[in-house]
Amino acid sequence: MKIGTPLAVGAAIGGALGKVIFRAVSAISSDPNKVGAIQAACLLVITFVILIYTVNKDKVHTLHVKNLLICILLGLFLGICSSFLGIGGGPINLAVLFYFFSMDTKEAAENSLYIILFSQSTSLINTLVTGTVPVFGIGVLVLMVGGGLLGGMVGRKINKTVEENTVNRLFIGLMIIIILINVYNIYQFM
């Protein structure tokens, strides 16, 4: 709570700022594909750096940040990144939690979900207040919510039984998949 809550509050504020930055960048660009390419390129670079860090994290001296203001500022950064990039923020959150707070993968994953809950709740409220809710089918919403809840429950059970090394290998595999998706997205937007 001492670390996760200030990070989450910062991420919630950063999420709102990230939406403002995204709208400003979108307004400047006449081509929405360019904005998508910029997002994919930024996410590609960040994911690649996180992959390199994760593979070498045993060799990296980590920090033990406890300062409230630094926690809020790191949360602000996480919120801006996740909102601007249009992602939940999980991989970025994990890398920050690994490095700045010396958390293991399982502890970092739990804190990341807590941070995402705050930032996405703020994002949802912002979307409702500004009237920028995209058009979608109610069936899709129900499936997404159901899938999210089911995935969370199954993931929690798996998390309790899987060893740390297996979680790290799965995370590295996920990073590689995200990198490939971003390369594909950049190609599609060009």
C-alpha atoms as a PDB file:
ATOM      1  CA  MET A   1       0.000   0.000   0.000  1.00  0.00           C
ATOM      2  CA  LYS A   2       2.865   2.412   0.740  1.00  0.00           C
ATOM      3  CA  ILE A   3       4.289   2.001  -2.750  1.00  0.00           C
ATOM      4  CA  GLY A   4       1.369   0.754  -4.840  1.00  0.00           C
ATOM      5  CA  THR A   5      -1.140   3.447  -3.877  1.00  0.00           C
ATOM      6  CA  PRO A   6       1.061   6.498  -4.680  1.00  0.00           C
ATOM      7  CA  LEU A   7       2.036   4.803  -7.949  1.00  0.00           C
ATOM      8  CA  ALA A   8      -1.639   4.148  -8.717  1.00  0.00           C
ATOM      9  CA  VAL A   9      -2.664   7.731  -7.912  1.00  0.00           C
ATOM     10  CA  GLY A  10       0.148   9.068 -10.105  1.00  0.00           C
ATOM     11  CA  ALA A  11      -0.859   6.652 -12.873  1.00  0.00           C
ATOM     12  CA  ALA A  12      -4.472   7.815 -12.674  1.00  0.00           C
ATOM     13  CA  ILE A  13      -3.413  11.458 -13.103  1.00  0.00           C
ATOM     14  CA  GLY A  14      -0.916  10.453 -15.806  1.00  0.00           C
ATOM     15  CA  GLY A  15      -3.627   8.501 -17.613  1.00  0.00           C
ATOM     16  CA  ALA A  16      -5.735  11.650 -17.902  1.00  0.00           C
ATOM     17  CA  LEU A  17      -2.703  13.639 -19.111  1.00  0.00           C
ATOM     18  CA  GLY A  18      -1.801  10.912 -21.612  1.00  0.00           C
ATOM     19  CA  LYS A  19      -5.275  11.157 -23.164  1.00  0.00           C
ATOM     20  CA  VAL A  20      -4.838  14.932 -23.512  1.00  0.00           C
ATOM     21  CA  ILE A  21      -1.431  14.433 -25.147  1.00  0.00           C
ATOM     22  CA  PHE A  22      -2.842  11.775 -27.492  1.00  0.00           C
ATOM     23  CA  ARG A  23      -5.728  14.061 -28.538  1.00  0.00           C
ATOM     24  CA  ALA A  24      -3.257  16.900 -29.169  1.00  0.00           C
ATOM     25  CA  VAL A  25      -1.000  14.701 -31.316  1.00  0.00           C
ATOM     26  CA  SER A  26      -4.044  13.372 -33.187  1.00  0.00           C
ATOM     27  CA  ALA A  27      -5.295  16.922 -33.822  1.00  0.00           C
ATOM     28  CA  ILE A  28      -1.918  17.990 -35.210  1.00  0.00           C
ATOM     29  CA  SER A  29      -1.683  15.063 -37.616  1.00  0.00           C
ATOM     30  CA  SER A  30      -3.860  14.972 -40.695  1.00  0.00           C
ATOM     31  CA  ASP A  31      -3.306  11.218 -41.068  1.00  0.00           C
ATOM     32  CA  PRO A  32      -4.531   8.905 -38.276  1.00  0.00           C
ATOM     33  CA  ASN A  33      -2.250   6.172 -39.649  1.00  0.00           C
ATOM     34  CA  LYS A  34       0.779   8.316 -38.768  1.00  0.00           C
ATOM     35  CA  VAL A  35      -0.410   8.542 -35.171  1.00  0.00           C
ATOM     36  CA  GLY A  36      -0.884   4.776 -35.094  1.00  0.00           C
ATOM     37  CA  ALA A  37       2.592   4.276 -36.539  1.00  0.00           C
ATOM     38  CA  ILE A  38       4.059   6.623 -33.915  1.00  0.00           C
ATOM     39  CA  GLN A  39       2.283   4.710 -31.149  1.00  0.00           C
ATOM     40  CA  ALA A  40       3.459   1.352 -32.503  1.00  0.00           C
ATOM     41  CA  ALA A  41       7.043   2.610 -32.904  1.00  0.00           C
ATOM     42  CA  CYS A  42       7.120   4.012 -29.355  1.00  0.00           C
ATOM     43  CA  LEU A  43       5.700   0.782 -27.974  1.00  0.00           C
ATOM     44  CA  LEU A  44       8.179  -1.253 -30.036  1.00  0.00           C
ATOM     45  CA  VAL A  45      11.157   0.666 -28.607  1.00  0.00           C
ATOM     46  CA  ILE A  46       9.845   0.521 -25.030  1.00  0.00           C
ATOM     47  CA  THR A  47       9.051  -3.197 -25.301  1.00  0.00           C
ATOM     48  CA  PHE A  48      12.480  -3.959 -26.771  1.00  0.00           C
ATOM     49  CA  VAL A  49      14.202  -2.079 -23.925  1.00  0.00           C
ATOM     50  CA  ILE A  50      12.019  -3.938 -21.385  1.00  0.00           C
ATOM     51  CA  LEU A  51      12.911  -7.264 -23.041  1.00  0.00           C
ATOM     52  CA  ILE A  52      16.647  -6.492 -22.855  1.00  0.00           C
ATOM     53  CA  TYR A  53      16.263  -5.419 -19.210  1.00  0.00           C
ATOM     54  CA  THR A  54      14.212  -8.515 -18.303  1.00  0.00           C
ATOM     55  CA  VAL A  55      16.726 -10.899 -19.873  1.00  0.00           C
ATOM     56  CA  ASN A  56      19.548  -9.181 -17.962  1.00  0.00           C
ATOM     57  CA  LYS A  57      17.735  -8.149 -14.777  1.00  0.00           C
ATOM     58  CA  ASP A  58      19.746 -10.529 -12.576  1.00  0.00           C
ATOM     59  CA  LYS A  59      22.863  -8.520 -13.500  1.00  0.00           C
ATOM     60  CA  VAL A  60      21.266  -5.103 -12.868  1.00  0.00           C
ATOM     61  CA  HIS A  61      21.524  -3.417  -9.472  1.00  0.00           C
ATOM     62  CA  THR A  62      17.975  -2.381  -8.560  1.00  0.00           C
ATOM     63  CA  LEU A  63      16.725   0.430  -6.342  1.00  0.00           C
ATOM     64  CA  HIS A  64      14.474   0.469  -3.282  1.00  0.00           C
ATOM     65  CA  VAL A  65      12.533   3.711  -3.765  1.00  0.00           C
ATOM     66  CA  LYS A  66      10.380   4.672  -0.789  1.00  0.00           C
ATOM     67  CA  ASN A  67       9.969   8.418  -1.348  1.00  0.00           C
ATOM     68  CA  LEU A  68       6.281   9.334  -1.772  1.00  0.00           C
ATOM     69  CA  LEU A  69       6.891  12.070  -4.363  1.00  0.00           C
ATOM     70  CA  ILE A  70       9.097   9.826  -6.506  1.00  0.00           C
ATOM     71  CA  CYS A  71       6.434   7.084  -6.333  1.00  0.00           C
ATOM     72  CA  ILE A  72       3.779   9.542  -7.538  1.00  0.00           C
ATOM     73  CA  LEU A  73       6.060  10.830 -10.340  1.00  0.00           C
ATOM     74  CA  LEU A  74       6.854   7.300 -11.497  1.00  0.00           C
ATOM     75  CA  GLY A  75       3.125   6.551 -11.470  1.00  0.00           C
ATOM     76  CA  LEU A  76       2.508   9.718 -13.492  1.00  0.00           C
ATOM     77  CA  PHE A  77       5.039   8.513 -16.078  1.00  0.00           C
ATOM     78  CA  LEU A  78       3.417   5.062 -16.201  1.00  0.00           C
ATOM     79  CA  GLY A  79      -0.050   6.565 -16.644  1.00  0.00           C
ATOM     80  CA  ILE A  80       1.034   8.902 -19.445  1.00  0.00           C
ATOM     81  CA  CYS A  81       2.799   6.071 -21.292  1.00  0.00           C
ATOM     82  CA  SER A  82      -0.062   3.605 -21.001  1.00  0.00           C
ATOM     83  CA  SER A  83      -2.713   6.140 -21.956  1.00  0.00           C
ATOM     84  CA  PHE A  84      -0.794   7.666 -24.861  1.00  0.00           C
ATOM     85  CA  LEU A  85       0.155   4.247 -26.206  1.00  0.00           C
ATOM     86  CA  GLY A  86      -3.360   2.876 -25.737  1.00  0.00           C
ATOM     87  CA  ILE A  87      -2.253  -0.080 -23.617  1.00  0.00           C
ATOM     88  CA  GLY A  88      -3.015  -1.153 -20.076  1.00  0.00           C
ATOM     89  CA  GLY A  89       0.609  -0.577 -19.160  1.00  0.00           C
ATOM     90  CA  GLY A  90       1.484  -4.015 -17.792  1.00  0.00           C
ATOM     91  CA  PRO A  91       4.947  -4.561 -19.350  1.00  0.00           C
ATOM     92  CA  ILE A  92       6.056  -0.994 -18.635  1.00  0.00           C
ATOM     93  CA  ASN A  93       4.700  -1.209 -15.085  1.00  0.00           C
ATOM     94  CA  LEU A  94       6.556  -4.460 -14.469  1.00  0.00           C
ATOM     95  CA  ALA A  95       9.908  -3.085 -15.632  1.00  0.00           C
ATOM     96  CA  VAL A  96       9.508   0.008 -13.437  1.00  0.00           C
ATOM     97  CA  LEU A  97       8.476  -2.120 -10.458  1.00  0.00           C
ATOM     98  CA  PHE A  98      11.418  -4.489 -11.020  1.00  0.00           C
ATOM     99  CA  TYR A  99      14.011  -1.728 -11.275  1.00  0.00           C
ATOM    100  CA  PHE A 100      12.839   1.029  -8.931  1.00  0.00           C
ATOM    101  CA  PHE A 101      11.279  -1.144  -6.219  1.00  0.00           C
ATOM    102  CA  SER A 102      13.251  -4.424  -6.487  1.00  0.00           C
ATOM    103  CA  MET A 103      10.049  -6.477  -6.734  1.00  0.00           C
ATOM    104  CA  ASP A 104      10.024 -10.048  -7.973  1.00  0.00           C
ATOM    105  CA  THR A 105       7.832 -10.897 -10.963  1.00  0.00           C
ATOM    106  CA  LYS A 106       4.800 -12.094  -8.996  1.00  0.00           C
ATOM    107  CA  GLU A 107       4.782  -9.121  -6.603  1.00  0.00           C
ATOM    108  CA  ALA A 108       5.297  -6.722  -9.515  1.00  0.00           C
ATOM    109  CA  ALA A 109       2.384  -8.324 -11.422  1.00  0.00           C
ATOM    110  CA  GLU A 110       0.022  -7.817  -8.479  1.00  0.00           C
ATOM    111  CA  ASN A 111       1.092  -4.187  -8.057  1.00  0.00           C
ATOM    112  CA  SER A 112       0.820  -3.624 -11.806  1.00  0.00           C
ATOM    113  CA  LEU A 113      -2.799  -4.787 -11.784  1.00  0.00           C
ATOM    114  CA  TYR A 114      -3.509  -2.425  -8.891  1.00  0.00           C
ATOM    115  CA  ILE A 115      -1.956   0.481 -10.816  1.00  0.00           C
ATOM    116  CA  ILE A 116      -3.883  -0.435 -13.984  1.00  0.00           C
ATOM    117  CA  LEU A 117      -7.151  -0.554 -12.016  1.00  0.00           C
ATOM    118  CA  PHE A 118      -6.656   3.063 -10.897  1.00  0.00           C
ATOM    119  CA  SER A 119      -5.447   4.430 -14.222  1.00  0.00           C
ATOM    120  CA  GLN A 120      -8.084   2.659 -16.311  1.00  0.00           C
ATOM    121  CA  SER A 121     -10.862   3.710 -13.920  1.00  0.00           C
ATOM    122  CA  THR A 122      -9.782   7.316 -14.357  1.00  0.00           C
ATOM    123  CA  SER A 123      -9.608   6.800 -18.112  1.00  0.00           C
ATOM    124  CA  LEU A 124     -13.130   5.382 -18.151  1.00  0.00           C
ATOM    125  CA  ILE A 125     -14.493   8.297 -16.110  1.00  0.00           C
ATOM    126  CA  ASN A 126     -12.676  10.767 -18.403  1.00  0.00           C
ATOM    127  CA  THR A 127     -14.145   9.066 -21.482  1.00  0.00           C
ATOM    128  CA  LEU A 128     -17.662   9.193 -20.039  1.00  0.00           C
ATOM    129  CA  VAL A 129     -17.374  12.833 -18.900  1.00  0.00           C
ATOM    130  CA  THR A 130     -15.938  14.049 -22.222  1.00  0.00           C
ATOM    131  CA  GLY A 131     -18.494  12.049 -24.218  1.00  0.00           C
ATOM    132  CA  THR A 132     -15.810  10.300 -26.273  1.00  0.00           C
ATOM    133  CA  VAL A 133     -17.134   6.773 -25.834  1.00  0.00           C
ATOM    134  CA  PRO A 134     -16.542   4.876 -29.092  1.00  0.00           C
ATOM    135  CA  VAL A 135     -19.391   3.002 -30.717  1.00  0.00           C
ATOM    136  CA  PHE A 136     -19.407  -0.673 -29.806  1.00  0.00           C
ATOM    137  CA  GLY A 137     -21.796  -3.576 -29.549  1.00  0.00           C
ATOM    138  CA  ILE A 138     -23.071  -4.509 -26.093  1.00  0.00           C
ATOM    139  CA  GLY A 139     -22.280  -8.163 -26.842  1.00  0.00           C
ATOM    140  CA  VAL A 140     -18.631  -7.281 -27.401  1.00  0.00           C
ATOM    141  CA  LEU A 141     -18.571  -5.407 -24.085  1.00  0.00           C
ATOM    142  CA  VAL A 142     -20.082  -8.365 -22.219  1.00  0.00           C
ATOM    143  CA  LEU A 143     -17.570 -10.768 -23.805  1.00  0.00           C
ATOM    144  CA  MET A 144     -14.639  -8.473 -22.993  1.00  0.00           C
ATOM    145  CA  VAL A 145     -15.702  -7.996 -19.362  1.00  0.00           C
ATOM    146  CA  GLY A 146     -16.368 -11.715 -18.970  1.00  0.00           C
ATOM    147  CA  GLY A 147     -13.052 -12.597 -20.582  1.00  0.00           C
ATOM    148  CA  GLY A 148     -11.226 -10.115 -18.365  1.00  0.00           C
ATOM    149  CA  LEU A 149     -12.810 -11.470 -15.194  1.00  0.00           C
ATOM    150  CA  LEU A 150     -12.265 -15.088 -16.189  1.00  0.00           C
ATOM    151  CA  GLY A 151      -8.686 -14.374 -17.244  1.00  0.00           C
ATOM    152  CA  GLY A 152      -8.006 -12.632 -13.931  1.00  0.00           C
ATOM    153  CA  MET A 153      -9.349 -15.546 -11.911  1.00  0.00           C
ATOM    154  CA  VAL A 154      -7.513 -18.173 -13.948  1.00  0.00           C
ATOM    155  CA  GLY A 155      -4.331 -16.088 -13.937  1.00  0.00           C
ATOM    156  CA  ARG A 156      -4.424 -15.733 -10.156  1.00  0.00           C
ATOM    157  CA  LYS A 157      -4.736 -19.514  -9.718  1.00  0.00           C
ATOM    158  CA  ILE A 158      -1.895 -20.135 -12.176  1.00  0.00           C
ATOM    159  CA  ASN A 159       0.230 -17.465 -10.476  1.00  0.00           C
ATOM    160  CA  LYS A 160      -0.001 -19.338  -7.167  1.00  0.00           C
ATOM    161  CA  THR A 161       1.255 -22.602  -8.679  1.00  0.00           C
ATOM    162  CA  VAL A 162       3.867 -21.453 -11.193  1.00  0.00           C
ATOM    163  CA  GLU A 163       7.487 -20.872 -10.203  1.00  0.00           C
ATOM    164  CA  GLU A 164       9.196 -17.490 -10.639  1.00  0.00           C
ATOM    165  CA  ASN A 165      11.467 -18.735 -13.462  1.00  0.00           C
ATOM    166  CA  THR A 166       8.466 -19.972 -15.455  1.00  0.00           C
ATOM    167  CA  VAL A 167       6.718 -16.613 -14.996  1.00  0.00           C
ATOM    168  CA  ASN A 168       9.859 -14.850 -16.243  1.00  0.00           C
ATOM    169  CA  ARG A 169      10.046 -17.080 -19.326  1.00  0.00           C
ATOM    170  CA  LEU A 170       6.368 -16.458 -20.080  1.00  0.00           C
ATOM    171  CA  PHE A 171       6.937 -12.715 -19.705  1.00  0.00           C
ATOM    172  CA  ILE A 172       9.898 -12.819 -22.105  1.00  0.00           C
ATOM    173  CA  GLY A 173       7.791 -14.779 -24.606  1.00  0.00           C
ATOM    174  CA  LEU A 174       5.031 -12.193 -24.297  1.00  0.00           C
ATOM    175  CA  MET A 175       7.517  -9.378 -24.929  1.00  0.00           C
ATOM    176  CA  ILE A 176       8.661 -11.089 -28.124  1.00  0.00           C
ATOM    177  CA  ILE A 177       5.042 -11.448 -29.290  1.00  0.00           C
ATOM    178  CA  ILE A 178       4.345  -7.765 -28.518  1.00  0.00           C
ATOM    179  CA  ILE A 179       7.460  -6.739 -30.476  1.00  0.00           C
ATOM    180  CA  LEU A 180       6.307  -8.774 -33.488  1.00  0.00           C
ATOM    181  CA  ILE A 181       2.805  -7.279 -33.283  1.00  0.00           C
ATOM    182  CA  ASN A 182       4.291  -3.773 -33.222  1.00  0.00           C
ATOM    183  CA  VAL A 183       6.491  -4.476 -36.222  1.00  0.00           C
ATOM    184  CA  TYR A 184       3.386  -5.704 -38.050  1.00  0.00           C
ATOM    185  CA  ASN A 185       1.396  -2.619 -36.937  1.00  0.00           C
ATOM    186  CA  ILE A 186       4.099  -0.246 -38.120  1.00  0.00           C
ATOM    187  CA  TYR A 187       4.117  -2.040 -41.490  1.00  0.00           C
ATOM    188  CA  GLN A 188       0.300  -1.776 -41.698  1.00  0.00           C
ATOM    189  CA  PHE A 189       0.275   1.944 -40.871  1.00  0.00           C
ATOM    190  CA  MET A 190       2.961   2.792 -43.405  1.00  0.00           C
END
